[in-house]
N, C-alpha and C. Protein backbone atom coordinates (compact mmCIF):
# COMPACT_ATOMS: atom_id res chain seq x y z
N MET A 1 12.92 13.89 0.23
CA MET A 1 14.01 13.55 -0.64
C MET A 1 13.89 14.43 -1.88
N SER A 2 14.94 15.07 -2.25
CA SER A 2 14.89 15.94 -3.43
C SER A 2 14.85 15.10 -4.69
N THR A 3 14.43 15.75 -5.78
CA THR A 3 14.36 15.03 -7.06
C THR A 3 15.72 14.47 -7.44
N SER A 4 16.80 15.23 -7.22
CA SER A 4 18.12 14.72 -7.58
C SER A 4 18.48 13.51 -6.74
N THR A 5 18.13 13.51 -5.46
CA THR A 5 18.42 12.35 -4.61
C THR A 5 17.58 11.16 -5.05
N ILE A 6 16.31 11.38 -5.37
CA ILE A 6 15.45 10.30 -5.85
C ILE A 6 16.02 9.74 -7.15
N SER A 7 16.44 10.62 -8.05
CA SER A 7 17.01 10.16 -9.31
C SER A 7 18.26 9.32 -9.09
N GLN A 8 19.03 9.66 -8.06
CA GLN A 8 20.22 8.86 -7.75
C GLN A 8 19.82 7.49 -7.22
N GLN A 9 18.76 7.43 -6.40
CA GLN A 9 18.35 6.15 -5.83
C GLN A 9 17.47 5.35 -6.79
N VAL A 10 16.82 6.02 -7.73
CA VAL A 10 16.02 5.33 -8.73
C VAL A 10 16.54 5.78 -10.09
N PRO A 11 17.54 5.07 -10.60
CA PRO A 11 18.09 5.44 -11.91
C PRO A 11 17.01 5.37 -12.99
N ALA A 12 17.17 6.19 -14.02
CA ALA A 12 16.19 6.28 -15.10
C ALA A 12 15.82 4.89 -15.63
N GLY A 13 14.53 4.72 -15.87
CA GLY A 13 14.03 3.47 -16.41
C GLY A 13 12.65 3.16 -15.87
N THR A 14 12.15 2.01 -16.25
CA THR A 14 10.85 1.54 -15.77
C THR A 14 11.08 0.26 -14.98
N TYR A 15 10.47 0.17 -13.82
CA TYR A 15 10.67 -0.94 -12.90
C TYR A 15 9.34 -1.64 -12.64
N ALA A 16 9.37 -2.94 -12.52
CA ALA A 16 8.19 -3.72 -12.17
C ALA A 16 8.35 -4.24 -10.74
N VAL A 17 7.30 -4.09 -9.94
CA VAL A 17 7.33 -4.60 -8.57
C VAL A 17 7.47 -6.12 -8.62
N ASP A 18 8.38 -6.64 -7.82
CA ASP A 18 8.62 -8.08 -7.70
C ASP A 18 7.76 -8.60 -6.54
N PRO A 19 6.60 -9.21 -6.84
CA PRO A 19 5.69 -9.60 -5.75
C PRO A 19 6.26 -10.64 -4.80
N SER A 20 7.21 -11.44 -5.24
CA SER A 20 7.75 -12.45 -4.32
C SER A 20 8.73 -11.86 -3.32
N HIS A 21 9.13 -10.59 -3.53
CA HIS A 21 10.02 -9.92 -2.60
C HIS A 21 9.43 -8.59 -2.12
N SER A 22 8.11 -8.47 -2.17
CA SER A 22 7.41 -7.26 -1.76
C SER A 22 6.18 -7.67 -0.95
N SER A 23 5.59 -6.69 -0.27
CA SER A 23 4.38 -7.00 0.49
C SER A 23 3.49 -5.76 0.61
N VAL A 24 2.18 -6.02 0.71
CA VAL A 24 1.18 -4.98 0.93
C VAL A 24 0.35 -5.46 2.12
N GLY A 25 0.48 -4.78 3.25
CA GLY A 25 -0.20 -5.23 4.45
C GLY A 25 -0.97 -4.13 5.14
N PHE A 26 -1.71 -4.53 6.17
CA PHE A 26 -2.51 -3.58 6.94
C PHE A 26 -2.69 -4.12 8.34
N GLU A 27 -3.07 -3.23 9.24
CA GLU A 27 -3.44 -3.65 10.59
C GLU A 27 -4.55 -2.75 11.10
N VAL A 28 -5.40 -3.34 11.93
CA VAL A 28 -6.54 -2.62 12.48
C VAL A 28 -6.80 -3.13 13.90
N ARG A 29 -7.18 -2.22 14.77
CA ARG A 29 -7.48 -2.58 16.16
C ARG A 29 -8.84 -3.27 16.21
N HIS A 30 -8.91 -4.39 16.95
CA HIS A 30 -10.14 -5.17 17.11
C HIS A 30 -10.62 -5.04 18.55
N MET A 31 -11.84 -4.52 18.75
CA MET A 31 -12.46 -4.36 20.06
C MET A 31 -11.68 -3.43 20.98
N GLY A 32 -10.74 -2.67 20.43
CA GLY A 32 -9.92 -1.80 21.26
C GLY A 32 -8.91 -2.59 22.08
N ILE A 33 -8.78 -3.89 21.79
CA ILE A 33 -7.94 -4.76 22.61
C ILE A 33 -6.71 -5.24 21.86
N ALA A 34 -6.93 -5.85 20.71
CA ALA A 34 -5.83 -6.49 19.97
C ALA A 34 -5.72 -5.91 18.57
N THR A 35 -4.58 -6.11 17.96
CA THR A 35 -4.36 -5.66 16.59
C THR A 35 -4.43 -6.86 15.67
N VAL A 36 -5.28 -6.76 14.65
CA VAL A 36 -5.39 -7.81 13.63
C VAL A 36 -4.60 -7.34 12.42
N ARG A 37 -3.73 -8.22 11.93
CA ARG A 37 -2.91 -7.90 10.77
C ARG A 37 -3.34 -8.74 9.57
N GLY A 38 -3.17 -8.17 8.41
CA GLY A 38 -3.49 -8.90 7.20
C GLY A 38 -2.64 -8.40 6.05
N ALA A 39 -2.81 -9.07 4.92
CA ALA A 39 -2.05 -8.71 3.72
C ALA A 39 -2.88 -9.05 2.50
N PHE A 40 -2.51 -8.41 1.41
CA PHE A 40 -3.05 -8.77 0.11
C PHE A 40 -1.95 -9.57 -0.59
N ARG A 41 -2.26 -10.78 -1.01
CA ARG A 41 -1.25 -11.68 -1.54
C ARG A 41 -0.99 -11.50 -3.04
N ARG A 42 -1.94 -10.87 -3.76
CA ARG A 42 -1.74 -10.63 -5.20
C ARG A 42 -1.82 -9.14 -5.49
N PHE A 43 -0.76 -8.63 -6.07
CA PHE A 43 -0.68 -7.21 -6.40
C PHE A 43 0.36 -7.03 -7.49
N GLN A 44 0.33 -5.88 -8.11
CA GLN A 44 1.32 -5.55 -9.12
C GLN A 44 1.57 -4.05 -9.06
N GLY A 45 2.70 -3.64 -9.61
CA GLY A 45 3.00 -2.22 -9.60
C GLY A 45 4.17 -1.89 -10.50
N THR A 46 4.30 -0.62 -10.81
CA THR A 46 5.42 -0.13 -11.62
C THR A 46 5.94 1.16 -11.02
N ILE A 47 7.20 1.40 -11.28
CA ILE A 47 7.83 2.68 -10.99
C ILE A 47 8.36 3.19 -12.31
N ASP A 48 7.83 4.32 -12.74
CA ASP A 48 8.27 4.93 -14.00
C ASP A 48 9.21 6.07 -13.65
N ALA A 49 10.49 5.85 -13.87
CA ALA A 49 11.51 6.85 -13.57
C ALA A 49 12.12 7.38 -14.86
N THR A 50 11.27 7.63 -15.85
CA THR A 50 11.76 8.12 -17.14
C THR A 50 11.65 9.64 -17.26
N SER A 51 11.06 10.31 -16.24
CA SER A 51 10.97 11.77 -16.28
C SER A 51 11.64 12.33 -15.03
N ASP A 52 11.42 13.59 -14.74
CA ASP A 52 12.08 14.25 -13.61
C ASP A 52 11.76 13.61 -12.27
N GLN A 53 10.55 13.13 -12.09
CA GLN A 53 10.10 12.57 -10.81
C GLN A 53 9.54 11.16 -11.04
N PRO A 54 10.05 10.16 -10.31
CA PRO A 54 9.48 8.81 -10.46
C PRO A 54 7.99 8.80 -10.10
N VAL A 55 7.24 7.96 -10.79
CA VAL A 55 5.81 7.79 -10.53
C VAL A 55 5.54 6.33 -10.22
N LEU A 56 4.88 6.09 -9.12
CA LEU A 56 4.53 4.74 -8.71
C LEU A 56 3.06 4.51 -8.99
N ASN A 57 2.73 3.37 -9.61
CA ASN A 57 1.35 2.92 -9.80
C ASN A 57 1.25 1.51 -9.26
N GLY A 58 0.20 1.24 -8.49
CA GLY A 58 0.02 -0.10 -7.95
C GLY A 58 -1.43 -0.51 -7.92
N THR A 59 -1.65 -1.81 -8.06
CA THR A 59 -2.98 -2.40 -8.02
C THR A 59 -2.95 -3.63 -7.13
N VAL A 60 -3.96 -3.75 -6.28
CA VAL A 60 -4.09 -4.88 -5.37
C VAL A 60 -5.36 -5.64 -5.74
N GLU A 61 -5.28 -6.96 -5.79
CA GLU A 61 -6.47 -7.80 -5.99
C GLU A 61 -7.12 -8.02 -4.62
N VAL A 62 -8.30 -7.44 -4.43
CA VAL A 62 -8.97 -7.49 -3.13
C VAL A 62 -9.27 -8.93 -2.71
N ALA A 63 -9.60 -9.80 -3.64
CA ALA A 63 -9.94 -11.19 -3.29
C ALA A 63 -8.76 -11.93 -2.67
N SER A 64 -7.57 -11.37 -2.76
CA SER A 64 -6.39 -12.04 -2.20
C SER A 64 -6.14 -11.66 -0.74
N VAL A 65 -7.11 -10.97 -0.10
CA VAL A 65 -6.94 -10.57 1.30
C VAL A 65 -6.72 -11.81 2.17
N ASP A 66 -5.78 -11.71 3.10
CA ASP A 66 -5.43 -12.84 3.97
C ASP A 66 -5.15 -12.31 5.37
N THR A 67 -6.05 -12.61 6.31
CA THR A 67 -5.86 -12.22 7.70
C THR A 67 -5.58 -13.43 8.59
N GLY A 68 -5.45 -14.59 7.96
CA GLY A 68 -5.23 -15.80 8.75
C GLY A 68 -6.50 -16.43 9.26
N ASP A 69 -7.66 -15.90 8.89
CA ASP A 69 -8.94 -16.45 9.31
C ASP A 69 -9.88 -16.45 8.10
N GLU A 70 -10.21 -17.63 7.61
CA GLU A 70 -11.02 -17.77 6.40
C GLU A 70 -12.37 -17.07 6.51
N ASN A 71 -13.03 -17.19 7.66
CA ASN A 71 -14.34 -16.55 7.84
C ASN A 71 -14.22 -15.02 7.78
N ARG A 72 -13.21 -14.48 8.44
CA ARG A 72 -13.02 -13.03 8.41
C ARG A 72 -12.69 -12.56 7.00
N ASP A 73 -11.83 -13.32 6.30
CA ASP A 73 -11.48 -12.96 4.92
C ASP A 73 -12.72 -12.95 4.04
N GLY A 74 -13.62 -13.92 4.24
CA GLY A 74 -14.87 -13.97 3.49
C GLY A 74 -15.73 -12.76 3.77
N HIS A 75 -15.78 -12.33 5.04
CA HIS A 75 -16.56 -11.15 5.40
C HIS A 75 -15.95 -9.90 4.78
N LEU A 76 -14.62 -9.81 4.75
CA LEU A 76 -13.95 -8.65 4.17
C LEU A 76 -14.22 -8.52 2.67
N THR A 77 -14.40 -9.62 1.97
CA THR A 77 -14.65 -9.55 0.53
C THR A 77 -16.13 -9.36 0.20
N ALA A 78 -17.00 -9.49 1.21
CA ALA A 78 -18.46 -9.37 1.03
C ALA A 78 -18.87 -7.89 0.90
N PRO A 79 -20.13 -7.64 0.50
CA PRO A 79 -20.62 -6.26 0.35
C PRO A 79 -20.49 -5.40 1.61
N ASP A 80 -20.52 -5.99 2.82
CA ASP A 80 -20.33 -5.22 4.05
C ASP A 80 -19.02 -4.44 4.06
N PHE A 81 -18.00 -5.01 3.41
CA PHE A 81 -16.69 -4.37 3.40
C PHE A 81 -16.28 -4.03 1.96
N PHE A 82 -15.40 -4.82 1.37
CA PHE A 82 -14.82 -4.47 0.08
C PHE A 82 -15.72 -4.72 -1.12
N ASP A 83 -16.70 -5.60 -1.01
CA ASP A 83 -17.60 -5.91 -2.12
C ASP A 83 -16.81 -6.26 -3.37
N VAL A 84 -16.04 -7.34 -3.25
CA VAL A 84 -15.09 -7.74 -4.30
C VAL A 84 -15.76 -8.00 -5.64
N GLU A 85 -17.02 -8.40 -5.65
CA GLU A 85 -17.71 -8.65 -6.92
C GLU A 85 -17.83 -7.36 -7.74
N GLN A 86 -18.14 -6.26 -7.06
CA GLN A 86 -18.28 -4.96 -7.75
C GLN A 86 -16.97 -4.20 -7.86
N TYR A 87 -16.10 -4.38 -6.86
CA TYR A 87 -14.85 -3.60 -6.79
C TYR A 87 -13.67 -4.54 -6.55
N PRO A 88 -13.20 -5.21 -7.58
CA PRO A 88 -12.17 -6.25 -7.40
C PRO A 88 -10.77 -5.72 -7.13
N GLU A 89 -10.53 -4.40 -7.30
CA GLU A 89 -9.18 -3.88 -7.14
C GLU A 89 -9.13 -2.63 -6.27
N ILE A 90 -7.99 -2.47 -5.62
CA ILE A 90 -7.62 -1.23 -4.96
C ILE A 90 -6.47 -0.67 -5.78
N LYS A 91 -6.52 0.64 -6.06
CA LYS A 91 -5.48 1.25 -6.89
C LYS A 91 -4.84 2.42 -6.14
N PHE A 92 -3.55 2.62 -6.42
CA PHE A 92 -2.82 3.75 -5.86
C PHE A 92 -1.86 4.28 -6.91
N HIS A 93 -1.72 5.58 -6.98
CA HIS A 93 -0.68 6.19 -7.81
C HIS A 93 -0.16 7.44 -7.12
N THR A 94 1.11 7.71 -7.31
CA THR A 94 1.71 8.88 -6.69
C THR A 94 1.47 10.12 -7.54
N THR A 95 1.38 11.24 -6.86
CA THR A 95 1.35 12.54 -7.53
C THR A 95 2.64 13.30 -7.25
N SER A 96 3.35 12.93 -6.17
CA SER A 96 4.66 13.50 -5.89
C SER A 96 5.41 12.61 -4.90
N ILE A 97 6.72 12.74 -4.95
CA ILE A 97 7.60 12.07 -4.00
C ILE A 97 8.55 13.15 -3.48
N ASP A 98 8.59 13.30 -2.14
CA ASP A 98 9.37 14.37 -1.54
C ASP A 98 10.17 13.85 -0.35
N GLU A 99 11.12 14.68 0.08
CA GLU A 99 11.85 14.42 1.32
C GLU A 99 10.95 14.77 2.48
N ALA A 100 10.91 13.90 3.49
CA ALA A 100 10.08 14.14 4.66
C ALA A 100 10.92 14.49 5.88
N GLY A 101 12.23 14.58 5.72
CA GLY A 101 13.13 14.88 6.84
C GLY A 101 13.68 13.61 7.45
N ASP A 102 14.82 13.73 8.09
CA ASP A 102 15.49 12.60 8.75
C ASP A 102 15.68 11.40 7.83
N GLY A 103 15.95 11.65 6.55
CA GLY A 103 16.18 10.56 5.60
C GLY A 103 14.92 9.85 5.15
N GLN A 104 13.77 10.38 5.53
CA GLN A 104 12.49 9.76 5.17
C GLN A 104 11.98 10.31 3.83
N ILE A 105 11.17 9.51 3.15
CA ILE A 105 10.50 9.97 1.94
C ILE A 105 9.00 10.05 2.19
N ARG A 106 8.34 10.88 1.40
CA ARG A 106 6.88 11.01 1.46
C ARG A 106 6.33 10.75 0.07
N LEU A 107 5.50 9.72 -0.04
CA LEU A 107 4.78 9.46 -1.28
C LEU A 107 3.39 10.05 -1.12
N THR A 108 3.08 11.05 -1.93
CA THR A 108 1.76 11.65 -1.92
C THR A 108 1.04 11.16 -3.17
N GLY A 109 -0.20 10.72 -2.99
CA GLY A 109 -0.92 10.21 -4.14
C GLY A 109 -2.39 10.06 -3.86
N GLU A 110 -3.00 9.18 -4.63
CA GLU A 110 -4.43 8.91 -4.50
C GLU A 110 -4.65 7.41 -4.46
N ILE A 111 -5.54 7.00 -3.56
CA ILE A 111 -5.92 5.60 -3.44
C ILE A 111 -7.41 5.50 -3.76
N THR A 112 -7.76 4.45 -4.51
CA THR A 112 -9.16 4.21 -4.86
C THR A 112 -9.58 2.87 -4.29
N ILE A 113 -10.59 2.91 -3.43
CA ILE A 113 -11.17 1.72 -2.81
C ILE A 113 -12.67 1.81 -2.99
N LYS A 114 -13.29 0.77 -3.50
CA LYS A 114 -14.74 0.72 -3.73
C LYS A 114 -15.23 1.90 -4.57
N GLY A 115 -14.44 2.30 -5.54
CA GLY A 115 -14.83 3.37 -6.45
C GLY A 115 -14.67 4.76 -5.88
N VAL A 116 -14.17 4.89 -4.66
CA VAL A 116 -13.96 6.18 -4.01
C VAL A 116 -12.47 6.49 -4.02
N THR A 117 -12.11 7.66 -4.53
CA THR A 117 -10.71 8.08 -4.59
C THR A 117 -10.46 9.17 -3.56
N GLU A 118 -9.45 8.97 -2.74
CA GLU A 118 -9.08 9.92 -1.69
C GLU A 118 -7.57 10.13 -1.72
N PRO A 119 -7.10 11.29 -1.25
CA PRO A 119 -5.66 11.49 -1.14
C PRO A 119 -5.06 10.55 -0.08
N LEU A 120 -3.81 10.19 -0.28
CA LEU A 120 -3.11 9.33 0.68
C LEU A 120 -1.65 9.74 0.72
N GLU A 121 -1.14 9.85 1.93
CA GLU A 121 0.27 10.13 2.13
C GLU A 121 0.91 8.95 2.84
N LEU A 122 1.98 8.44 2.27
CA LEU A 122 2.75 7.35 2.85
C LEU A 122 4.15 7.85 3.12
N THR A 123 4.71 7.53 4.28
CA THR A 123 6.07 7.94 4.59
C THR A 123 6.90 6.73 4.95
N GLY A 124 8.21 6.85 4.70
CA GLY A 124 9.12 5.75 5.01
C GLY A 124 10.49 6.01 4.45
N THR A 125 11.13 4.96 3.98
CA THR A 125 12.50 5.08 3.50
C THR A 125 12.65 4.49 2.11
N ALA A 126 13.48 5.17 1.32
CA ALA A 126 13.93 4.59 0.05
C ALA A 126 15.16 3.76 0.41
N LEU A 127 15.19 2.54 -0.04
CA LEU A 127 16.26 1.62 0.32
C LEU A 127 17.35 1.63 -0.75
N ASP A 128 18.57 1.30 -0.34
CA ASP A 128 19.67 1.25 -1.30
C ASP A 128 19.37 0.20 -2.36
N GLY A 129 19.43 0.62 -3.60
CA GLY A 129 19.22 -0.30 -4.71
C GLY A 129 20.56 -0.88 -5.16
N GLY A 130 20.51 -1.56 -6.26
CA GLY A 130 21.73 -2.14 -6.80
C GLY A 130 21.42 -3.30 -7.71
N THR A 131 22.47 -3.99 -8.08
CA THR A 131 22.35 -5.14 -8.96
C THR A 131 22.27 -6.41 -8.12
N ASP A 132 21.26 -7.24 -8.40
CA ASP A 132 21.12 -8.49 -7.65
C ASP A 132 22.06 -9.55 -8.23
N PRO A 133 22.17 -10.73 -7.62
CA PRO A 133 23.09 -11.76 -8.10
C PRO A 133 22.80 -12.28 -9.51
N TRP A 134 21.63 -11.96 -10.06
CA TRP A 134 21.26 -12.44 -11.38
C TRP A 134 21.39 -11.34 -12.45
N GLY A 135 21.98 -10.22 -12.05
CA GLY A 135 22.24 -9.14 -13.00
C GLY A 135 21.11 -8.15 -13.18
N ASN A 136 20.07 -8.23 -12.36
CA ASN A 136 18.93 -7.30 -12.45
C ASN A 136 19.17 -6.08 -11.58
N ASP A 137 18.86 -4.90 -12.12
CA ASP A 137 18.92 -3.67 -11.32
C ASP A 137 17.65 -3.57 -10.51
N ARG A 138 17.79 -3.31 -9.21
CA ARG A 138 16.65 -3.24 -8.29
C ARG A 138 16.67 -1.94 -7.51
N VAL A 139 15.46 -1.47 -7.17
CA VAL A 139 15.27 -0.36 -6.25
C VAL A 139 14.20 -0.79 -5.25
N GLY A 140 14.13 -0.10 -4.12
CA GLY A 140 13.13 -0.49 -3.14
C GLY A 140 12.80 0.62 -2.17
N PHE A 141 11.68 0.44 -1.48
CA PHE A 141 11.26 1.38 -0.45
C PHE A 141 10.30 0.67 0.49
N GLU A 142 10.19 1.22 1.70
CA GLU A 142 9.22 0.77 2.68
C GLU A 142 8.50 2.00 3.20
N VAL A 143 7.16 1.99 3.11
CA VAL A 143 6.35 3.14 3.53
C VAL A 143 5.13 2.67 4.29
N GLU A 144 4.56 3.60 5.04
CA GLU A 144 3.32 3.31 5.76
C GLU A 144 2.47 4.56 5.85
N GLY A 145 1.20 4.35 6.13
CA GLY A 145 0.26 5.46 6.27
C GLY A 145 -1.01 4.97 6.94
N VAL A 146 -1.97 5.86 7.10
CA VAL A 146 -3.23 5.52 7.77
C VAL A 146 -4.39 6.05 6.93
N ILE A 147 -5.43 5.25 6.81
CA ILE A 147 -6.67 5.70 6.18
C ILE A 147 -7.82 5.54 7.18
N ASP A 148 -8.85 6.34 6.99
CA ASP A 148 -10.10 6.17 7.71
C ASP A 148 -11.00 5.36 6.77
N ARG A 149 -11.26 4.13 7.11
CA ARG A 149 -11.97 3.21 6.22
C ARG A 149 -13.37 3.69 5.87
N ARG A 150 -13.97 4.50 6.72
CA ARG A 150 -15.34 5.00 6.47
C ARG A 150 -15.41 5.88 5.22
N LYS A 151 -14.30 6.54 4.87
CA LYS A 151 -14.27 7.39 3.68
C LYS A 151 -14.47 6.57 2.40
N PHE A 152 -14.26 5.25 2.50
CA PHE A 152 -14.36 4.36 1.33
C PHE A 152 -15.58 3.45 1.43
N ASP A 153 -16.57 3.84 2.22
CA ASP A 153 -17.78 3.06 2.43
C ASP A 153 -17.46 1.68 3.00
N LEU A 154 -16.43 1.61 3.83
CA LEU A 154 -16.11 0.40 4.59
C LEU A 154 -16.58 0.66 6.03
N ALA A 155 -17.87 0.87 6.17
CA ALA A 155 -18.42 1.41 7.41
C ALA A 155 -19.02 0.37 8.36
N TRP A 156 -19.11 -0.89 7.96
CA TRP A 156 -19.70 -1.89 8.85
C TRP A 156 -18.98 -1.87 10.19
N ASN A 157 -19.75 -1.90 11.28
CA ASN A 157 -19.14 -1.88 12.60
C ASN A 157 -20.19 -2.17 13.66
N GLN A 158 -19.72 -2.34 14.88
CA GLN A 158 -20.60 -2.48 16.04
C GLN A 158 -19.95 -1.75 17.20
N THR A 159 -20.77 -1.03 17.98
CA THR A 159 -20.28 -0.42 19.20
C THR A 159 -20.49 -1.42 20.32
N LEU A 160 -19.45 -1.66 21.10
CA LEU A 160 -19.49 -2.64 22.18
C LEU A 160 -20.01 -2.00 23.46
N PRO A 161 -20.46 -2.80 24.43
CA PRO A 161 -20.99 -2.24 25.69
C PRO A 161 -20.02 -1.29 26.40
N ASN A 162 -18.71 -1.50 26.24
CA ASN A 162 -17.74 -0.62 26.90
C ASN A 162 -17.46 0.64 26.08
N GLY A 163 -18.14 0.80 24.93
CA GLY A 163 -17.97 1.98 24.09
C GLY A 163 -16.95 1.81 22.98
N ASN A 164 -16.13 0.77 23.06
CA ASN A 164 -15.16 0.52 21.99
C ASN A 164 -15.88 0.05 20.73
N LEU A 165 -15.23 0.27 19.59
CA LEU A 165 -15.74 -0.25 18.33
C LEU A 165 -15.22 -1.67 18.12
N LEU A 166 -16.03 -2.50 17.49
CA LEU A 166 -15.57 -3.85 17.17
C LEU A 166 -14.35 -3.77 16.25
N VAL A 167 -14.41 -2.87 15.25
CA VAL A 167 -13.31 -2.68 14.30
C VAL A 167 -12.97 -1.19 14.26
N SER A 168 -11.72 -0.86 14.52
CA SER A 168 -11.29 0.54 14.48
C SER A 168 -11.55 1.14 13.10
N ASN A 169 -11.83 2.43 13.07
CA ASN A 169 -12.01 3.11 11.79
C ASN A 169 -10.68 3.43 11.12
N ASP A 170 -9.62 3.58 11.91
CA ASP A 170 -8.30 3.83 11.35
C ASP A 170 -7.63 2.51 10.98
N VAL A 171 -7.13 2.46 9.75
CA VAL A 171 -6.43 1.28 9.26
C VAL A 171 -5.02 1.70 8.86
N LYS A 172 -4.02 1.04 9.42
CA LYS A 172 -2.63 1.32 9.07
C LYS A 172 -2.25 0.48 7.86
N LEU A 173 -1.60 1.12 6.91
CA LEU A 173 -1.14 0.44 5.69
C LEU A 173 0.38 0.34 5.72
N PHE A 174 0.91 -0.79 5.24
CA PHE A 174 2.35 -1.03 5.17
C PHE A 174 2.69 -1.58 3.80
N VAL A 175 3.64 -0.94 3.12
CA VAL A 175 4.04 -1.40 1.79
C VAL A 175 5.56 -1.51 1.76
N SER A 176 6.05 -2.66 1.37
CA SER A 176 7.49 -2.88 1.19
C SER A 176 7.68 -3.37 -0.24
N VAL A 177 8.52 -2.64 -1.00
CA VAL A 177 8.65 -2.93 -2.42
C VAL A 177 10.09 -3.17 -2.82
N SER A 178 10.28 -4.23 -3.60
CA SER A 178 11.50 -4.46 -4.35
C SER A 178 11.05 -4.48 -5.81
N ALA A 179 11.65 -3.60 -6.63
CA ALA A 179 11.24 -3.49 -8.02
C ALA A 179 12.44 -3.71 -8.93
N VAL A 180 12.19 -4.40 -10.05
CA VAL A 180 13.23 -4.78 -11.00
C VAL A 180 13.13 -3.95 -12.27
N LYS A 181 14.26 -3.42 -12.69
CA LYS A 181 14.30 -2.60 -13.90
C LYS A 181 14.08 -3.46 -15.13
N GLY A 182 13.21 -2.97 -16.02
CA GLY A 182 12.95 -3.68 -17.28
C GLY A 182 14.09 -3.50 -18.25
N SER A 183 14.12 -4.39 -19.24
CA SER A 183 15.23 -4.31 -20.21
C SER A 183 14.93 -3.36 -21.34
């Protein structure tokens, strides 16, 4: 998406992510058999569209991880995985937003997990914005990408007798955002 197209879809201003109408999720293959899905229930973010290119910043509270299984969530917050006591947040910020072809957008940026910062590319769609029934200007997008969890010291795993890993190293990320323009 060109800067002019982005500017048309994200009018100048600063926007706050509306967590009740947004989501931050992930999925990972378990034992090479099934896909386990989860989400982070507490997060915040902003879109700063006051310059030539909008900039997205987001923070996720790791302790809010929810996979539908209390024991698994406890293991994910433990030192084996996210180590929430030492690293309570995951952070992401964009360095550029571009057209990816076929009406898709590409958010290029950096994600920090457990104190390790790596590049991340998310692709998806910018959604039609507009004024909601309460008079708020909104913009939105849905994007996804993949990380190798080992790059962030999320390396706990077991190799099964059939050679499959208990937990896949590739983790798919899904972000759907509705953001409200500040006054």
